[in-house]
Amino acid sequence: MAEFGLIDRIRARAAQVRDDVVLGIGDDAALLQPPPGMQLVVSMDTLNDGVHFPAGTGAALVGWKALAVNLSDLAAMGAEPAWCTLSLSLPDGDPAWVDGFLDGFLALAAEHRVALVGGDTTRGPLSVSIAVHGLVDPGRALRRDGARVGDAVWVSGGLGAAAAALAQWRGGGAVDQDLRERLDRPCPRVRLGRALAGVATACIDVSDGLLADLGHVCAASGVGAVLDLDALPGAGRLRAHFDADAVRRLQATGGDDYELCFTLPAGADAVALAAAGAAATGIEVTRIGTVVAGQGVQALDRDGRPWRPASAGHDHFA
């Protein structure tokens, strides 16, 4: 199918779901009407075939994940998703692939009332770039630079499943389907991020690996952190396939979890508020460490000995 035929196909399926879209797909740019007094939160991610998803991944799963990883960034800021743009690079104009992609993409968009308002299509290696826009009340955005000495470090959900599935796929053996589901269909913790706004002192989503991402929080906040490796949630489902050291490595450095890692003041009130927010969203949260004076993240084993992996997380150019 020719380029403009693909665009028309996308526009026909991406019916507007928000009244604040004045003009959507079809012009040189979109016209949007942000609510008075709100701040705009903007993020963008690119997913490439064979890098961010295994070659041969179904089109619907690519569509879901491409939007999910972007919504995860909004979740880490405590923002409410609103609009997005989509840039598709495709080897050919395959309408069946585009329809499958939209099945996954639009299913997640509908869940979070995200309107697709524009973008671009081009010929090239399979690649998906999405820019998302969200809204947050002034002064309530979650940031990386607010962690303070004495804060507790928490994480949502479980860690390591997506990295475990990727390791199995790369190894050429059988892939546990429950683990693969976490790799292909991450769940952006948007509702939890909204619940943490005004409660958490800092927040980040775990995309490149827990140690690497928490390290970004520490660097921005001018603090250090100590993690209890045995407190990391989700290890049980990995032990059937990996030895103890591999489980630690997958959980602490594997990435692709898209869970929220956040810090809370040590007082019971903050913990109670966070627990109430987590309960309201149906997402478990676990305390995994403490913010300390110093720099960087130190991970300790059950005997209190430092554990130092070869890498703290994923680096595209390492």
C-alpha atoms as a PDB file:
ATOM      1  CA  MET A   1       0.000   0.000   0.000  1.00  0.00           C
ATOM      2  CA  ALA A   2       1.250   3.517  -0.789  1.00  0.00           C
ATOM      3  CA  GLU A   3       2.219   5.910   2.015  1.00  0.00           C
ATOM      4  CA  PHE A   4      -0.915   8.042   2.016  1.00  0.00           C
ATOM      5  CA  GLY A   5      -3.085   4.959   1.872  1.00  0.00           C
ATOM      6  CA  LEU A   6      -1.404   3.768   5.066  1.00  0.00           C
ATOM      7  CA  ILE A   7      -1.946   7.164   6.684  1.00  0.00           C
ATOM      8  CA  ASP A   8      -5.630   7.095   5.750  1.00  0.00           C
ATOM      9  CA  ARG A   9      -5.856   3.582   7.188  1.00  0.00           C
ATOM     10  CA  ILE A  10      -4.341   4.747  10.480  1.00  0.00           C
ATOM     11  CA  ARG A  11      -6.555   7.850  10.635  1.00  0.00           C
ATOM     12  CA  ALA A  12      -9.699   5.801  10.026  1.00  0.00           C
ATOM     13  CA  ARG A  13      -8.936   3.550  12.981  1.00  0.00           C
ATOM     14  CA  ALA A  14      -7.617   6.207  15.374  1.00  0.00           C
ATOM     15  CA  ALA A  15     -10.934   7.926  16.050  1.00  0.00           C
ATOM     16  CA  GLN A  16     -10.614  10.819  18.468  1.00  0.00           C
ATOM     17  CA  VAL A  17     -11.275   9.937  22.098  1.00  0.00           C
ATOM     18  CA  ARG A  18     -10.731  13.363  23.647  1.00  0.00           C
ATOM     19  CA  ASP A  19     -12.540  16.699  23.343  1.00  0.00           C
ATOM     20  CA  ASP A  20      -9.243  18.604  23.764  1.00  0.00           C
ATOM     21  CA  VAL A  21      -8.074  17.530  20.273  1.00  0.00           C
ATOM     22  CA  VAL A  22      -9.025  20.508  18.096  1.00  0.00           C
ATOM     23  CA  LEU A  23      -7.412  19.058  14.959  1.00  0.00           C
ATOM     24  CA  GLY A  24      -5.853  15.626  14.726  1.00  0.00           C
ATOM     25  CA  ILE A  25      -4.387  13.465  11.968  1.00  0.00           C
ATOM     26  CA  GLY A  26      -4.475  14.875   8.443  1.00  0.00           C
ATOM     27  CA  ASP A  27      -2.940  18.355   8.551  1.00  0.00           C
ATOM     28  CA  ASP A  28       0.653  19.597   8.827  1.00  0.00           C
ATOM     29  CA  ALA A  29       0.369  19.550  12.619  1.00  0.00           C
ATOM     30  CA  ALA A  30      -2.150  18.837  15.340  1.00  0.00           C
ATOM     31  CA  LEU A  31      -4.022  21.462  17.352  1.00  0.00           C
ATOM     32  CA  LEU A  32      -4.469  20.615  21.024  1.00  0.00           C
ATOM     33  CA  GLN A  33      -6.125  22.474  23.881  1.00  0.00           C
ATOM     34  CA  PRO A  34      -4.427  21.827  27.248  1.00  0.00           C
ATOM     35  CA  PRO A  35      -6.653  22.448  30.284  1.00  0.00           C
ATOM     36  CA  PRO A  36      -6.070  25.806  31.996  1.00  0.00           C
ATOM     37  CA  GLY A  37      -3.457  25.762  34.738  1.00  0.00           C
ATOM     38  CA  MET A  38      -1.989  22.342  33.931  1.00  0.00           C
ATOM     39  CA  GLN A  39       1.635  21.631  33.079  1.00  0.00           C
ATOM     40  CA  LEU A  40       2.514  19.647  29.955  1.00  0.00           C
ATOM     41  CA  VAL A  41       4.718  16.557  30.316  1.00  0.00           C
ATOM     42  CA  VAL A  42       6.430  15.352  27.120  1.00  0.00           C
ATOM     43  CA  SER A  43       8.507  12.233  26.462  1.00  0.00           C
ATOM     44  CA  MET A  44       9.680  10.231  23.449  1.00  0.00           C
ATOM     45  CA  ASP A  45      11.089   6.749  22.869  1.00  0.00           C
ATOM     46  CA  THR A  46      12.166   4.762  19.810  1.00  0.00           C
ATOM     47  CA  LEU A  47      11.928   0.983  19.469  1.00  0.00           C
ATOM     48  CA  ASN A  48      13.990  -0.822  16.826  1.00  0.00           C
ATOM     49  CA  ASP A  49      13.498  -4.325  15.473  1.00  0.00           C
ATOM     50  CA  GLY A  50      15.942  -6.791  17.034  1.00  0.00           C
ATOM     51  CA  VAL A  51      17.022  -4.273  19.691  1.00  0.00           C
ATOM     52  CA  HIS A  52      13.918  -3.460  21.723  1.00  0.00           C
ATOM     53  CA  PHE A  53      11.878  -6.480  20.689  1.00  0.00           C
ATOM     54  CA  PRO A  54      12.991  -9.837  19.245  1.00  0.00           C
ATOM     55  CA  ALA A  55      12.901 -10.138  15.470  1.00  0.00           C
ATOM     56  CA  GLY A  56       9.638 -11.715  14.385  1.00  0.00           C
ATOM     57  CA  THR A  57       7.596 -10.335  17.300  1.00  0.00           C
ATOM     58  CA  GLY A  58       3.927 -10.069  16.327  1.00  0.00           C
ATOM     59  CA  ALA A  59       2.749  -6.695  15.049  1.00  0.00           C
ATOM     60  CA  ALA A  60       0.116  -6.273  17.789  1.00  0.00           C
ATOM     61  CA  LEU A  61       2.753  -6.865  20.476  1.00  0.00           C
ATOM     62  CA  VAL A  62       5.072  -4.304  18.873  1.00  0.00           C
ATOM     63  CA  GLY A  63       2.217  -1.796  18.845  1.00  0.00           C
ATOM     64  CA  TRP A  64       1.386  -2.415  22.498  1.00  0.00           C
ATOM     65  CA  LYS A  65       4.977  -2.217  23.706  1.00  0.00           C
ATOM     66  CA  ALA A  66       5.839   0.865  21.663  1.00  0.00           C
ATOM     67  CA  LEU A  67       3.124   2.844  23.434  1.00  0.00           C
ATOM     68  CA  ALA A  68       3.618   1.147  26.810  1.00  0.00           C
ATOM     69  CA  VAL A  69       7.255   2.160  27.229  1.00  0.00           C
ATOM     70  CA  ASN A  70       6.329   5.773  26.504  1.00  0.00           C
ATOM     71  CA  LEU A  71       3.394   5.757  28.913  1.00  0.00           C
ATOM     72  CA  SER A  72       5.779   4.373  31.523  1.00  0.00           C
ATOM     73  CA  ASP A  73       7.761   7.620  31.296  1.00  0.00           C
ATOM     74  CA  LEU A  74       4.590   9.597  31.983  1.00  0.00           C
ATOM     75  CA  ALA A  75       3.836   7.281  34.909  1.00  0.00           C
ATOM     76  CA  ALA A  76       7.269   8.022  36.374  1.00  0.00           C
ATOM     77  CA  MET A  77       6.380  11.726  36.298  1.00  0.00           C
ATOM     78  CA  GLY A  78       2.965  11.228  37.893  1.00  0.00           C
ATOM     79  CA  ALA A  79       1.264  12.522  34.737  1.00  0.00           C
ATOM     80  CA  GLU A  80      -2.101  11.734  33.187  1.00  0.00           C
ATOM     81  CA  PRO A  81      -1.627  10.647  29.538  1.00  0.00           C
ATOM     82  CA  ALA A  82      -3.421  12.722  26.905  1.00  0.00           C
ATOM     83  CA  TRP A  83      -2.023  12.653  23.350  1.00  0.00           C
ATOM     84  CA  CYS A  84       0.677  11.023  21.265  1.00  0.00           C
ATOM     85  CA  THR A  85       2.288  11.132  17.832  1.00  0.00           C
ATOM     86  CA  LEU A  86       3.601   8.097  15.955  1.00  0.00           C
ATOM     87  CA  SER A  87       6.458   7.744  13.482  1.00  0.00           C
ATOM     88  CA  LEU A  88       6.618   4.402  11.650  1.00  0.00           C
ATOM     89  CA  SER A  89       9.553   3.225   9.582  1.00  0.00           C
ATOM     90  CA  LEU A  90       8.505   0.131   7.596  1.00  0.00           C
ATOM     91  CA  PRO A  91      10.350  -2.113   5.121  1.00  0.00           C
ATOM     92  CA  ASP A  92       7.204  -2.110   2.972  1.00  0.00           C
ATOM     93  CA  GLY A  93       3.634  -0.816   3.101  1.00  0.00           C
ATOM     94  CA  ASP A  94       2.055  -4.003   4.434  1.00  0.00           C
ATOM     95  CA  PRO A  95      -1.530  -3.090   5.457  1.00  0.00           C
ATOM     96  CA  ALA A  96      -1.976  -6.366   7.376  1.00  0.00           C
ATOM     97  CA  TRP A  97       1.070  -5.571   9.543  1.00  0.00           C
ATOM     98  CA  VAL A  98      -0.146  -2.010  10.129  1.00  0.00           C
ATOM     99  CA  ASP A  99      -3.587  -3.290  11.130  1.00  0.00           C
ATOM    100  CA  GLY A 100      -2.005  -5.727  13.578  1.00  0.00           C
ATOM    101  CA  PHE A 101       0.197  -2.974  14.991  1.00  0.00           C
ATOM    102  CA  LEU A 102      -2.847  -0.760  15.497  1.00  0.00           C
ATOM    103  CA  ASP A 103      -4.692  -3.595  17.255  1.00  0.00           C
ATOM    104  CA  GLY A 104      -2.126  -3.563  20.048  1.00  0.00           C
ATOM    105  CA  PHE A 105      -1.382   0.155  19.996  1.00  0.00           C
ATOM    106  CA  LEU A 106      -4.987   1.330  20.077  1.00  0.00           C
ATOM    107  CA  ALA A 107      -6.031  -1.214  22.711  1.00  0.00           C
ATOM    108  CA  LEU A 108      -3.570   0.309  25.167  1.00  0.00           C
ATOM    109  CA  ALA A 109      -4.357   3.846  23.994  1.00  0.00           C
ATOM    110  CA  ALA A 110      -8.044   3.302  24.722  1.00  0.00           C
ATOM    111  CA  GLU A 111      -7.233   1.977  28.194  1.00  0.00           C
ATOM    112  CA  HIS A 112      -5.515   5.274  29.054  1.00  0.00           C
ATOM    113  CA  ARG A 113      -7.609   7.649  26.882  1.00  0.00           C
ATOM    114  CA  VAL A 114      -4.644   8.555  24.711  1.00  0.00           C
ATOM    115  CA  ALA A 115      -5.462  10.213  21.386  1.00  0.00           C
ATOM    116  CA  LEU A 116      -3.193   9.591  18.393  1.00  0.00           C
ATOM    117  CA  VAL A 117      -2.995  13.051  16.819  1.00  0.00           C
ATOM    118  CA  GLY A 118      -0.355  12.768  14.086  1.00  0.00           C
ATOM    119  CA  GLY A 119       3.026  11.447  13.029  1.00  0.00           C
ATOM    120  CA  ASP A 120       4.903  10.181  10.016  1.00  0.00           C
ATOM    121  CA  THR A 121       5.467   7.092   7.871  1.00  0.00           C
ATOM    122  CA  THR A 122       8.591   6.253   5.892  1.00  0.00           C
ATOM    123  CA  ARG A 123      10.331   3.315   4.234  1.00  0.00           C
ATOM    124  CA  GLY A 124      13.264   1.787   6.101  1.00  0.00           C
ATOM    125  CA  PRO A 125      14.172  -0.818   8.721  1.00  0.00           C
ATOM    126  CA  LEU A 126      11.325  -1.543  11.133  1.00  0.00           C
ATOM    127  CA  SER A 127      11.393   1.180  13.765  1.00  0.00           C
ATOM    128  CA  VAL A 128       8.729   2.885  15.879  1.00  0.00           C
ATOM    129  CA  SER A 129       9.070   6.323  17.494  1.00  0.00           C
ATOM    130  CA  ILE A 130       6.366   7.736  19.732  1.00  0.00           C
ATOM    131  CA  ALA A 131       6.105  11.084  21.476  1.00  0.00           C
ATOM    132  CA  VAL A 132       3.632  11.160  24.357  1.00  0.00           C
ATOM    133  CA  HIS A 133       2.110  14.177  26.062  1.00  0.00           C
ATOM    134  CA  GLY A 134       0.607  14.166  29.529  1.00  0.00           C
ATOM    135  CA  LEU A 135      -0.799  16.586  32.070  1.00  0.00           C
ATOM    136  CA  VAL A 136       0.091  17.238  35.680  1.00  0.00           C
ATOM    137  CA  ASP A 137      -0.905  19.790  38.291  1.00  0.00           C
ATOM    138  CA  PRO A 138       1.786  22.453  38.831  1.00  0.00           C
ATOM    139  CA  GLY A 139       4.286  21.413  41.482  1.00  0.00           C
ATOM    140  CA  ARG A 140       3.080  17.788  41.634  1.00  0.00           C
ATOM    141  CA  ALA A 141       5.245  16.173  38.959  1.00  0.00           C
ATOM    142  CA  LEU A 142       7.413  13.332  40.214  1.00  0.00           C
ATOM    143  CA  ARG A 143      11.091  13.993  39.491  1.00  0.00           C
ATOM    144  CA  ARG A 144      14.474  12.345  39.938  1.00  0.00           C
ATOM    145  CA  ASP A 145      16.049  15.066  42.053  1.00  0.00           C
ATOM    146  CA  GLY A 146      13.955  14.920  45.238  1.00  0.00           C
ATOM    147  CA  ALA A 147      15.375  11.900  47.116  1.00  0.00           C
ATOM    148  CA  ARG A 148      16.779  12.733  50.561  1.00  0.00           C
ATOM    149  CA  VAL A 149      18.987  10.884  53.020  1.00  0.00           C
ATOM    150  CA  GLY A 150      16.818   8.615  55.154  1.00  0.00           C
ATOM    151  CA  ASP A 151      14.145   8.065  52.498  1.00  0.00           C
ATOM    152  CA  ALA A 152      13.083   4.491  51.800  1.00  0.00           C
ATOM    153  CA  VAL A 153      13.506   3.028  48.310  1.00  0.00           C
ATOM    154  CA  TRP A 154      10.505   1.152  46.904  1.00  0.00           C
ATOM    155  CA  VAL A 155       9.639  -0.626  43.681  1.00  0.00           C
ATOM    156  CA  SER A 156       6.354  -1.719  42.126  1.00  0.00           C
ATOM    157  CA  GLY A 157       5.452  -5.173  40.812  1.00  0.00           C
ATOM    158  CA  GLY A 158       8.225  -7.679  40.159  1.00  0.00           C
ATOM    159  CA  LEU A 159      11.660  -7.414  38.574  1.00  0.00           C
ATOM    160  CA  GLY A 160      13.590  -9.535  36.104  1.00  0.00           C
ATOM    161  CA  ALA A 161      10.885 -11.370  34.137  1.00  0.00           C
ATOM    162  CA  ALA A 162      11.331  -9.471  30.867  1.00  0.00           C
ATOM    163  CA  ALA A 163      15.116  -9.761  30.956  1.00  0.00           C
ATOM    164  CA  ALA A 164      14.755 -13.469  31.742  1.00  0.00           C
ATOM    165  CA  ALA A 165      12.561 -14.014  28.670  1.00  0.00           C
ATOM    166  CA  LEU A 166      15.055 -12.136  26.513  1.00  0.00           C
ATOM    167  CA  ALA A 167      17.896 -14.281  27.864  1.00  0.00           C
ATOM    168  CA  GLN A 168      15.931 -17.436  27.065  1.00  0.00           C
ATOM    169  CA  TRP A 169      15.166 -16.208  23.545  1.00  0.00           C
ATOM    170  CA  ARG A 170      18.803 -15.302  22.898  1.00  0.00           C
ATOM    171  CA  GLY A 171      19.846 -18.704  24.224  1.00  0.00           C
ATOM    172  CA  GLY A 172      17.752 -20.405  21.565  1.00  0.00           C
ATOM    173  CA  GLY A 173      15.892 -22.658  23.986  1.00  0.00           C
ATOM    174  CA  ALA A 174      12.311 -22.785  25.205  1.00  0.00           C
ATOM    175  CA  VAL A 175      10.894 -19.496  26.469  1.00  0.00           C
ATOM    176  CA  ASP A 176       8.583 -19.468  29.485  1.00  0.00           C
ATOM    177  CA  GLN A 177       5.404 -17.850  28.153  1.00  0.00           C
ATOM    178  CA  ASP A 178       4.597 -16.053  31.398  1.00  0.00           C
ATOM    179  CA  LEU A 179       8.032 -14.431  31.299  1.00  0.00           C
ATOM    180  CA  ARG A 180       7.673 -13.628  27.592  1.00  0.00           C
ATOM    181  CA  GLU A 181       4.379 -11.891  28.328  1.00  0.00           C
ATOM    182  CA  ARG A 182       6.248  -9.438  30.567  1.00  0.00           C
ATOM    183  CA  LEU A 183       8.722  -8.748  27.756  1.00  0.00           C
ATOM    184  CA  ASP A 184       6.104  -8.280  25.045  1.00  0.00           C
ATOM    185  CA  ARG A 185       3.298  -6.600  26.992  1.00  0.00           C
ATOM    186  CA  PRO A 186       4.701  -4.409  29.788  1.00  0.00           C
ATOM    187  CA  CYS A 187       2.089  -2.678  31.941  1.00  0.00           C
ATOM    188  CA  PRO A 188       2.818   1.037  32.384  1.00  0.00           C
ATOM    189  CA  ARG A 189       2.099   1.947  36.009  1.00  0.00           C
ATOM    190  CA  VAL A 190       0.210   5.124  35.146  1.00  0.00           C
ATOM    191  CA  ARG A 191      -2.355   4.885  37.933  1.00  0.00           C
ATOM    192  CA  LEU A 192       0.305   4.204  40.537  1.00  0.00           C
ATOM    193  CA  GLY A 193       2.347   7.160  39.318  1.00  0.00           C
ATOM    194  CA  ARG A 194      -0.692   9.383  39.684  1.00  0.00           C
ATOM    195  CA  ALA A 195      -1.274   8.055  43.196  1.00  0.00           C
ATOM    196  CA  LEU A 196       2.359   8.740  44.152  1.00  0.00           C
ATOM    197  CA  ALA A 197       2.296  12.356  42.927  1.00  0.00           C
ATOM    198  CA  GLY A 198       2.678  14.608  45.947  1.00  0.00           C
ATOM    199  CA  VAL A 199       3.714  11.625  48.116  1.00  0.00           C
ATOM    200  CA  ALA A 200       6.943  10.188  46.668  1.00  0.00           C
ATOM    201  CA  THR A 201      10.073  12.336  46.866  1.00  0.00           C
ATOM    202  CA  ALA A 202      11.557  10.940  43.628  1.00  0.00           C
ATOM    203  CA  CYS A 203      10.608   8.431  40.954  1.00  0.00           C
ATOM    204  CA  ILE A 204      11.916   6.736  37.805  1.00  0.00           C
ATOM    205  CA  ASP A 205      10.721   3.876  35.630  1.00  0.00           C
ATOM    206  CA  VAL A 206      12.924   0.787  35.447  1.00  0.00           C
ATOM    207  CA  SER A 207      13.792   0.460  31.769  1.00  0.00           C
ATOM    208  CA  ASP A 208      17.572  -0.025  31.620  1.00  0.00           C
ATOM    209  CA  GLY A 209      18.025  -1.936  34.889  1.00  0.00           C
ATOM    210  CA  LEU A 210      17.295  -1.203  38.541  1.00  0.00           C
ATOM    211  CA  LEU A 211      20.875  -0.331  39.525  1.00  0.00           C
ATOM    212  CA  ALA A 212      21.351   1.931  36.518  1.00  0.00           C
ATOM    213  CA  ASP A 213      18.009   3.697  36.846  1.00  0.00           C
ATOM    214  CA  LEU A 214      18.191   4.176  40.617  1.00  0.00           C
ATOM    215  CA  GLY A 215      21.697   5.473  39.974  1.00  0.00           C
ATOM    216  CA  HIS A 216      20.155   8.252  37.870  1.00  0.00           C
ATOM    217  CA  VAL A 217      17.950   9.217  40.830  1.00  0.00           C
ATOM    218  CA  CYS A 218      20.957   9.252  43.140  1.00  0.00           C
ATOM    219  CA  ALA A 219      22.981  11.391  40.733  1.00  0.00           C
ATOM    220  CA  ALA A 220      20.147  13.893  40.267  1.00  0.00           C
ATOM    221  CA  SER A 221      19.466  14.057  44.020  1.00  0.00           C
ATOM    222  CA  GLY A 222      23.092  14.156  45.187  1.00  0.00           C
ATOM    223  CA  VAL A 223      22.707  11.060  47.388  1.00  0.00           C
ATOM    224  CA  GLY A 224      23.547   7.363  47.476  1.00  0.00           C
ATOM    225  CA  ALA A 225      21.400   4.278  48.048  1.00  0.00           C
ATOM    226  CA  VAL A 226      21.814   0.857  49.642  1.00  0.00           C
ATOM    227  CA  LEU A 227      19.735  -2.011  48.204  1.00  0.00           C
ATOM    228  CA  ASP A 228      18.835  -5.345  49.772  1.00  0.00           C
ATOM    229  CA  LEU A 229      19.150  -7.844  46.895  1.00  0.00           C
ATOM    230  CA  ASP A 230      17.043 -10.430  48.709  1.00  0.00           C
ATOM    231  CA  ALA A 231      14.170  -7.944  48.975  1.00  0.00           C
ATOM    232  CA  LEU A 232      13.762  -7.557  45.206  1.00  0.00           C
ATOM    233  CA  PRO A 233      10.282  -8.847  44.297  1.00  0.00           C
ATOM    234  CA  GLY A 234       9.634 -11.480  41.657  1.00  0.00           C
ATOM    235  CA  ALA A 235      12.628 -13.771  42.181  1.00  0.00           C
ATOM    236  CA  GLY A 236      10.477 -16.853  42.752  1.00  0.00           C
ATOM    237  CA  ARG A 237       9.270 -17.114  39.158  1.00  0.00           C
ATOM    238  CA  LEU A 238      12.863 -16.923  37.880  1.00  0.00           C
ATOM    239  CA  ARG A 239      14.428 -19.608  40.074  1.00  0.00           C
ATOM    240  CA  ALA A 240      12.853 -22.409  38.057  1.00  0.00           C
ATOM    241  CA  HIS A 241      14.990 -21.391  35.071  1.00  0.00           C
ATOM    242  CA  PHE A 242      18.105 -19.645  36.415  1.00  0.00           C
ATOM    243  CA  ASP A 243      20.689 -20.081  39.181  1.00  0.00           C
ATOM    244  CA  ALA A 244      20.891 -17.670  42.114  1.00  0.00           C
ATOM    245  CA  ASP A 245      23.540 -15.392  40.626  1.00  0.00           C
ATOM    246  CA  ALA A 246      21.710 -15.150  37.304  1.00  0.00           C
ATOM    247  CA  VAL A 247      18.475 -14.261  39.128  1.00  0.00           C
ATOM    248  CA  ARG A 248      20.261 -11.415  40.923  1.00  0.00           C
ATOM    249  CA  ARG A 249      21.746 -10.173  37.688  1.00  0.00           C
ATOM    250  CA  LEU A 250      18.424 -10.291  35.835  1.00  0.00           C
ATOM    251  CA  GLN A 251      16.563  -8.501  38.606  1.00  0.00           C
ATOM    252  CA  ALA A 252      19.152  -5.854  39.390  1.00  0.00           C
ATOM    253  CA  THR A 253      20.517  -5.068  35.936  1.00  0.00           C
ATOM    254  CA  GLY A 254      18.273  -6.703  33.306  1.00  0.00           C
ATOM    255  CA  GLY A 255      15.864  -3.862  32.568  1.00  0.00           C
ATOM    256  CA  ASP A 256      12.706  -3.845  30.419  1.00  0.00           C
ATOM    257  CA  ASP A 257      10.567  -4.146  33.582  1.00  0.00           C
ATOM    258  CA  TYR A 258       8.840  -0.756  33.278  1.00  0.00           C
ATOM    259  CA  GLU A 259       8.057  -0.818  36.968  1.00  0.00           C
ATOM    260  CA  LEU A 260       8.332   2.328  39.087  1.00  0.00           C
ATOM    261  CA  CYS A 261      11.225   2.768  41.500  1.00  0.00           C
ATOM    262  CA  PHE A 262      10.476   5.551  43.950  1.00  0.00           C
ATOM    263  CA  THR A 263      11.573   7.030  47.258  1.00  0.00           C
ATOM    264  CA  LEU A 264       9.418   7.899  50.246  1.00  0.00           C
ATOM    265  CA  PRO A 265      10.100   9.816  53.444  1.00  0.00           C
ATOM    266  CA  ALA A 266      10.810   7.455  56.339  1.00  0.00           C
ATOM    267  CA  GLY A 267       7.699   8.527  58.259  1.00  0.00           C
ATOM    268  CA  ALA A 268       4.748   6.178  58.562  1.00  0.00           C
ATOM    269  CA  ASP A 269       2.340   8.699  57.027  1.00  0.00           C
ATOM    270  CA  ALA A 270       4.084   8.637  53.651  1.00  0.00           C
ATOM    271  CA  VAL A 271       4.231   4.856  53.659  1.00  0.00           C
ATOM    272  CA  ALA A 272       0.531   4.655  54.511  1.00  0.00           C
ATOM    273  CA  LEU A 273      -0.361   7.046  51.699  1.00  0.00           C
ATOM    274  CA  ALA A 274       1.739   5.107  49.197  1.00  0.00           C
ATOM    275  CA  ALA A 275       0.269   1.814  50.347  1.00  0.00           C
ATOM    276  CA  ALA A 276      -3.236   3.204  49.972  1.00  0.00           C
ATOM    277  CA  GLY A 277      -2.430   4.404  46.463  1.00  0.00           C
ATOM    278  CA  ALA A 278      -0.920   1.048  45.536  1.00  0.00           C
ATOM    279  CA  ALA A 279      -3.932  -0.801  46.930  1.00  0.00           C
ATOM    280  CA  ALA A 280      -6.284   1.415  44.938  1.00  0.00           C
ATOM    281  CA  THR A 281      -4.414   0.543  41.725  1.00  0.00           C
ATOM    282  CA  GLY A 282      -4.052  -3.159  42.528  1.00  0.00           C
ATOM    283  CA  ILE A 283      -0.261  -3.009  42.228  1.00  0.00           C
ATOM    284  CA  GLU A 284       2.006  -4.404  44.937  1.00  0.00           C
ATOM    285  CA  VAL A 285       4.897  -2.249  46.132  1.00  0.00           C
ATOM    286  CA  THR A 286       7.962  -3.462  48.033  1.00  0.00           C
ATOM    287  CA  ARG A 287      10.568  -1.665  50.114  1.00  0.00           C
ATOM    288  CA  ILE A 288      14.003  -2.614  48.768  1.00  0.00           C
ATOM    289  CA  GLY A 289      16.478  -0.167  50.294  1.00  0.00           C
ATOM    290  CA  THR A 290      17.401   3.149  51.860  1.00  0.00           C
ATOM    291  CA  VAL A 291      18.729   6.483  50.618  1.00  0.00           C
ATOM    292  CA  VAL A 292      22.074   7.303  52.270  1.00  0.00           C
ATOM    293  CA  ALA A 293      24.695  10.013  52.162  1.00  0.00           C
ATOM    294  CA  GLY A 294      27.273   9.551  49.426  1.00  0.00           C
ATOM    295  CA  GLN A 295      27.146   8.622  45.768  1.00  0.00           C
ATOM    296  CA  GLY A 296      25.912   5.722  43.676  1.00  0.00           C
ATOM    297  CA  VAL A 297      24.023   2.543  44.497  1.00  0.00           C
ATOM    298  CA  GLN A 298      25.425  -0.256  46.633  1.00  0.00           C
ATOM    299  CA  ALA A 299      23.716  -3.650  46.457  1.00  0.00           C
ATOM    300  CA  LEU A 300      24.158  -5.990  49.423  1.00  0.00           C
ATOM    301  CA  ASP A 301      23.596  -9.745  49.615  1.00  0.00           C
ATOM    302  CA  ARG A 302      21.930 -11.502  52.546  1.00  0.00           C
ATOM    303  CA  ASP A 303      25.177 -11.442  54.518  1.00  0.00           C
ATOM    304  CA  GLY A 304      25.627  -7.715  54.031  1.00  0.00           C
ATOM    305  CA  ARG A 305      28.426  -8.129  51.508  1.00  0.00           C
ATOM    306  CA  PRO A 306      28.599  -5.820  48.463  1.00  0.00           C
ATOM    307  CA  TRP A 307      27.510  -7.405  45.174  1.00  0.00           C
ATOM    308  CA  ARG A 308      29.122  -5.884  42.098  1.00  0.00           C
ATOM    309  CA  PRO A 309      27.829  -6.944  38.680  1.00  0.00           C
ATOM    310  CA  ALA A 310      29.828  -6.440  35.495  1.00  0.00           C
ATOM    311  CA  SER A 311      27.313  -3.791  34.397  1.00  0.00           C
ATOM    312  CA  ALA A 312      24.641  -1.796  36.228  1.00  0.00           C
ATOM    313  CA  GLY A 313      22.258  -1.973  33.275  1.00  0.00           C
ATOM    314  CA  HIS A 314      21.724  -1.633  29.547  1.00  0.00           C
ATOM    315  CA  ASP A 315      23.716   0.912  27.544  1.00  0.00           C
ATOM    316  CA  HIS A 316      22.989   1.142  23.803  1.00  0.00           C
ATOM    317  CA  PHE A 317      26.502   2.317  23.016  1.00  0.00           C
ATOM    318  CA  ALA A 318      28.563   0.283  25.485  1.00  0.00           C
END
